Amino acid sequence: MKPDLEYTGHARDVIQERSLPEDWIRDTLSEPDRVEMGSDGNTHYIKAISQNEGRMLRVVVNERVEPNRVVTLFFDRRLGRKQ
């Protein structure tokens, strides 16, 4: 993950609407619990957020553009919680 990063309008809206701390996003990108490649070529960074009851934050990044672009982010209910 490169340090240069921009957010789509959708990603910025989600951050604001859900009051997601920047630390959670930064930690997910720098120290993910796991990384997956999406079928669309985007990289999915996933991390359990202990400050949010262990819910799994998924940050989807398009790394094929410069700077890398956060497309969306959400707590992935399909993954449950890390105990």
N, C-alpha and C. Protein backbone atom coordinates (compact mmCIF):
# COMPACT_ATOMS: atom_id res chain seq x y z
N MET A 1 0.85 -1.18 0.00
CA MET A 1 0.00 0.00 0.00
C MET A 1 0.89 1.24 0.00
N LYS A 2 0.66 2.10 -0.94
CA LYS A 2 1.46 3.31 -1.05
C LYS A 2 0.92 4.40 -0.13
N PRO A 3 1.80 5.28 0.34
CA PRO A 3 1.34 6.34 1.24
C PRO A 3 0.44 7.36 0.55
N ASP A 4 0.64 7.59 -0.77
CA ASP A 4 -0.22 8.52 -1.49
C ASP A 4 -1.57 7.86 -1.71
N LEU A 5 -2.61 8.51 -1.23
CA LEU A 5 -3.93 7.90 -1.23
C LEU A 5 -4.98 8.98 -1.38
N GLU A 6 -6.00 8.69 -2.17
CA GLU A 6 -7.13 9.60 -2.26
C GLU A 6 -8.40 8.80 -2.04
N TYR A 7 -9.47 9.50 -1.71
CA TYR A 7 -10.75 8.86 -1.42
C TYR A 7 -11.77 9.27 -2.46
N THR A 8 -12.59 8.32 -2.91
CA THR A 8 -13.70 8.68 -3.79
C THR A 8 -14.72 9.47 -2.97
N GLY A 9 -15.62 10.16 -3.64
CA GLY A 9 -16.69 10.87 -2.94
C GLY A 9 -17.50 9.92 -2.09
N HIS A 10 -17.76 8.73 -2.62
CA HIS A 10 -18.53 7.73 -1.86
C HIS A 10 -17.81 7.36 -0.57
N ALA A 11 -16.50 7.11 -0.66
CA ALA A 11 -15.72 6.73 0.53
C ALA A 11 -15.75 7.85 1.56
N ARG A 12 -15.58 9.09 1.12
CA ARG A 12 -15.62 10.23 2.05
C ARG A 12 -17.00 10.32 2.72
N ASP A 13 -18.06 10.10 1.95
CA ASP A 13 -19.42 10.14 2.51
C ASP A 13 -19.60 9.07 3.59
N VAL A 14 -19.11 7.86 3.32
CA VAL A 14 -19.23 6.75 4.28
C VAL A 14 -18.49 7.09 5.56
N ILE A 15 -17.27 7.62 5.43
CA ILE A 15 -16.47 7.98 6.61
C ILE A 15 -17.22 9.00 7.46
N GLN A 16 -17.77 10.00 6.81
CA GLN A 16 -18.48 11.05 7.54
C GLN A 16 -19.79 10.53 8.14
N GLU A 17 -20.60 9.82 7.35
CA GLU A 17 -21.90 9.33 7.83
C GLU A 17 -21.76 8.39 9.01
N ARG A 18 -20.71 7.58 8.99
CA ARG A 18 -20.53 6.56 10.04
C ARG A 18 -19.51 6.98 11.08
N SER A 19 -19.00 8.18 10.96
CA SER A 19 -18.02 8.72 11.91
C SER A 19 -16.86 7.75 12.14
N LEU A 20 -16.29 7.26 11.05
CA LEU A 20 -15.18 6.31 11.15
C LEU A 20 -13.88 7.06 11.41
N PRO A 21 -13.20 6.74 12.49
CA PRO A 21 -11.93 7.40 12.79
C PRO A 21 -10.86 7.09 11.74
N GLU A 22 -10.09 8.08 11.40
CA GLU A 22 -9.02 7.91 10.42
C GLU A 22 -8.02 6.85 10.88
N ASP A 23 -7.81 6.73 12.19
CA ASP A 23 -6.88 5.72 12.73
C ASP A 23 -7.30 4.32 12.31
N TRP A 24 -8.60 4.02 12.33
CA TRP A 24 -9.07 2.69 11.97
C TRP A 24 -8.76 2.39 10.52
N ILE A 25 -8.93 3.37 9.66
CA ILE A 25 -8.67 3.19 8.23
C ILE A 25 -7.17 3.01 8.01
N ARG A 26 -6.38 3.89 8.61
CA ARG A 26 -4.92 3.82 8.47
C ARG A 26 -4.38 2.48 8.99
N ASP A 27 -4.88 2.03 10.15
CA ASP A 27 -4.43 0.76 10.71
C ASP A 27 -4.81 -0.42 9.81
N THR A 28 -6.01 -0.36 9.24
CA THR A 28 -6.46 -1.43 8.35
C THR A 28 -5.57 -1.52 7.12
N LEU A 29 -5.18 -0.38 6.59
CA LEU A 29 -4.33 -0.36 5.40
C LEU A 29 -2.88 -0.72 5.70
N SER A 30 -2.38 -0.32 6.85
CA SER A 30 -0.97 -0.55 7.15
C SER A 30 -0.71 -1.91 7.83
N GLU A 31 -1.68 -2.39 8.60
CA GLU A 31 -1.51 -3.66 9.31
C GLU A 31 -2.79 -4.51 9.22
N PRO A 32 -3.18 -4.91 8.01
CA PRO A 32 -4.41 -5.69 7.86
C PRO A 32 -4.27 -7.09 8.47
N ASP A 33 -5.40 -7.65 8.90
CA ASP A 33 -5.41 -9.04 9.33
C ASP A 33 -5.32 -9.96 8.11
N ARG A 34 -5.88 -9.48 7.00
CA ARG A 34 -5.75 -10.21 5.75
C ARG A 34 -6.00 -9.28 4.58
N VAL A 35 -5.52 -9.71 3.41
CA VAL A 35 -5.67 -8.95 2.18
C VAL A 35 -6.23 -9.90 1.12
N GLU A 36 -7.24 -9.43 0.39
CA GLU A 36 -7.85 -10.24 -0.66
C GLU A 36 -7.87 -9.43 -1.96
N MET A 37 -7.76 -10.12 -3.07
CA MET A 37 -7.93 -9.48 -4.38
C MET A 37 -9.36 -9.70 -4.82
N GLY A 38 -10.04 -8.61 -5.15
CA GLY A 38 -11.41 -8.71 -5.64
C GLY A 38 -11.44 -9.12 -7.10
N SER A 39 -12.57 -9.62 -7.54
CA SER A 39 -12.72 -10.04 -8.94
C SER A 39 -12.59 -8.86 -9.89
N ASP A 40 -12.79 -7.64 -9.38
CA ASP A 40 -12.68 -6.43 -10.20
C ASP A 40 -11.27 -5.86 -10.19
N GLY A 41 -10.33 -6.54 -9.55
CA GLY A 41 -8.95 -6.08 -9.51
C GLY A 41 -8.62 -5.16 -8.35
N ASN A 42 -9.62 -4.81 -7.55
CA ASN A 42 -9.37 -3.97 -6.37
C ASN A 42 -8.82 -4.82 -5.23
N THR A 43 -8.03 -4.20 -4.37
CA THR A 43 -7.45 -4.88 -3.21
C THR A 43 -8.31 -4.59 -1.99
N HIS A 44 -8.66 -5.64 -1.25
CA HIS A 44 -9.50 -5.53 -0.06
C HIS A 44 -8.63 -5.75 1.18
N TYR A 45 -8.52 -4.74 2.00
CA TYR A 45 -7.79 -4.81 3.27
C TYR A 45 -8.81 -5.03 4.37
N ILE A 46 -8.57 -6.02 5.22
CA ILE A 46 -9.55 -6.40 6.24
C ILE A 46 -8.86 -6.46 7.60
N LYS A 47 -9.52 -5.85 8.59
CA LYS A 47 -8.94 -5.84 9.94
C LYS A 47 -10.06 -5.82 10.97
N ALA A 48 -9.89 -6.59 12.04
CA ALA A 48 -10.79 -6.54 13.19
C ALA A 48 -10.51 -5.27 13.97
N ILE A 49 -11.56 -4.53 14.27
CA ILE A 49 -11.42 -3.27 15.00
C ILE A 49 -11.88 -3.52 16.44
N SER A 50 -10.91 -3.64 17.34
CA SER A 50 -11.24 -3.98 18.73
C SER A 50 -12.09 -2.90 19.38
N GLN A 51 -11.90 -1.64 18.98
CA GLN A 51 -12.68 -0.54 19.55
C GLN A 51 -14.14 -0.56 19.08
N ASN A 52 -14.46 -1.43 18.13
CA ASN A 52 -15.83 -1.58 17.63
C ASN A 52 -16.27 -3.04 17.75
N GLU A 53 -16.05 -3.60 18.92
CA GLU A 53 -16.49 -4.95 19.27
C GLU A 53 -15.94 -6.03 18.34
N GLY A 54 -14.75 -5.79 17.78
CA GLY A 54 -14.11 -6.79 16.93
C GLY A 54 -14.71 -6.91 15.54
N ARG A 55 -15.56 -5.97 15.16
CA ARG A 55 -16.14 -6.02 13.82
C ARG A 55 -15.03 -5.87 12.78
N MET A 56 -15.24 -6.51 11.63
CA MET A 56 -14.23 -6.55 10.58
C MET A 56 -14.44 -5.41 9.60
N LEU A 57 -13.47 -4.48 9.57
CA LEU A 57 -13.52 -3.35 8.65
C LEU A 57 -12.86 -3.78 7.33
N ARG A 58 -13.58 -3.56 6.24
CA ARG A 58 -13.07 -3.86 4.90
C ARG A 58 -12.87 -2.53 4.17
N VAL A 59 -11.65 -2.28 3.73
CA VAL A 59 -11.31 -1.07 2.98
C VAL A 59 -10.91 -1.53 1.58
N VAL A 60 -11.65 -1.08 0.57
CA VAL A 60 -11.43 -1.50 -0.81
C VAL A 60 -10.65 -0.40 -1.54
N VAL A 61 -9.50 -0.79 -2.10
CA VAL A 61 -8.59 0.18 -2.71
C VAL A 61 -8.30 -0.20 -4.17
N ASN A 62 -8.41 0.78 -5.04
CA ASN A 62 -7.98 0.62 -6.43
C ASN A 62 -6.52 1.03 -6.48
N GLU A 63 -5.63 0.06 -6.62
CA GLU A 63 -4.20 0.32 -6.63
C GLU A 63 -3.64 0.43 -8.05
N ARG A 64 -4.53 0.41 -9.03
CA ARG A 64 -4.09 0.50 -10.42
C ARG A 64 -4.00 1.94 -10.89
N VAL A 65 -4.36 2.87 -10.03
CA VAL A 65 -4.30 4.30 -10.38
C VAL A 65 -3.34 5.00 -9.44
N GLU A 66 -2.82 6.13 -9.88
CA GLU A 66 -1.94 6.94 -9.04
C GLU A 66 -2.63 8.27 -8.76
N PRO A 67 -2.77 8.70 -7.53
CA PRO A 67 -2.48 7.90 -6.34
C PRO A 67 -3.53 6.81 -6.17
N ASN A 68 -3.20 5.82 -5.32
CA ASN A 68 -4.15 4.76 -5.01
C ASN A 68 -5.43 5.39 -4.49
N ARG A 69 -6.57 4.75 -4.78
CA ARG A 69 -7.86 5.35 -4.45
C ARG A 69 -8.70 4.40 -3.58
N VAL A 70 -9.12 4.90 -2.40
CA VAL A 70 -10.07 4.15 -1.57
C VAL A 70 -11.43 4.28 -2.23
N VAL A 71 -11.97 3.15 -2.65
CA VAL A 71 -13.24 3.12 -3.37
C VAL A 71 -14.41 3.12 -2.39
N THR A 72 -14.32 2.26 -1.39
CA THR A 72 -15.37 2.15 -0.38
C THR A 72 -14.80 1.49 0.86
N LEU A 73 -15.54 1.55 1.93
CA LEU A 73 -15.16 0.86 3.17
C LEU A 73 -16.42 0.59 3.96
N PHE A 74 -16.41 -0.53 4.68
CA PHE A 74 -17.59 -0.92 5.44
C PHE A 74 -17.23 -2.03 6.41
N PHE A 75 -18.08 -2.17 7.42
CA PHE A 75 -17.95 -3.29 8.34
C PHE A 75 -18.65 -4.47 7.69
N ASP A 76 -17.88 -5.52 7.42
CA ASP A 76 -18.36 -6.67 6.65
C ASP A 76 -19.06 -7.65 7.58
N ARG A 77 -20.37 -7.63 7.56
CA ARG A 77 -21.16 -8.51 8.43
C ARG A 77 -20.98 -9.99 8.08
N ARG A 78 -20.63 -10.27 6.84
CA ARG A 78 -20.44 -11.67 6.45
C ARG A 78 -19.26 -12.31 7.19
N LEU A 79 -18.32 -11.49 7.62
CA LEU A 79 -17.13 -12.02 8.30
C LEU A 79 -17.31 -12.14 9.80
N GLY A 80 -18.40 -11.61 10.32
CA GLY A 80 -18.64 -11.69 11.76
C GLY A 80 -17.69 -10.81 12.55
N ARG A 81 -17.33 -11.29 13.74
CA ARG A 81 -16.47 -10.55 14.64
C ARG A 81 -15.31 -11.42 15.08
N LYS A 82 -14.21 -10.77 15.38
CA LYS A 82 -13.06 -11.49 15.92
C LYS A 82 -13.16 -11.42 17.44
N GLN A 83 -13.12 -12.54 18.05
CA GLN A 83 -13.28 -12.62 19.50
C GLN A 83 -11.98 -12.39 20.21
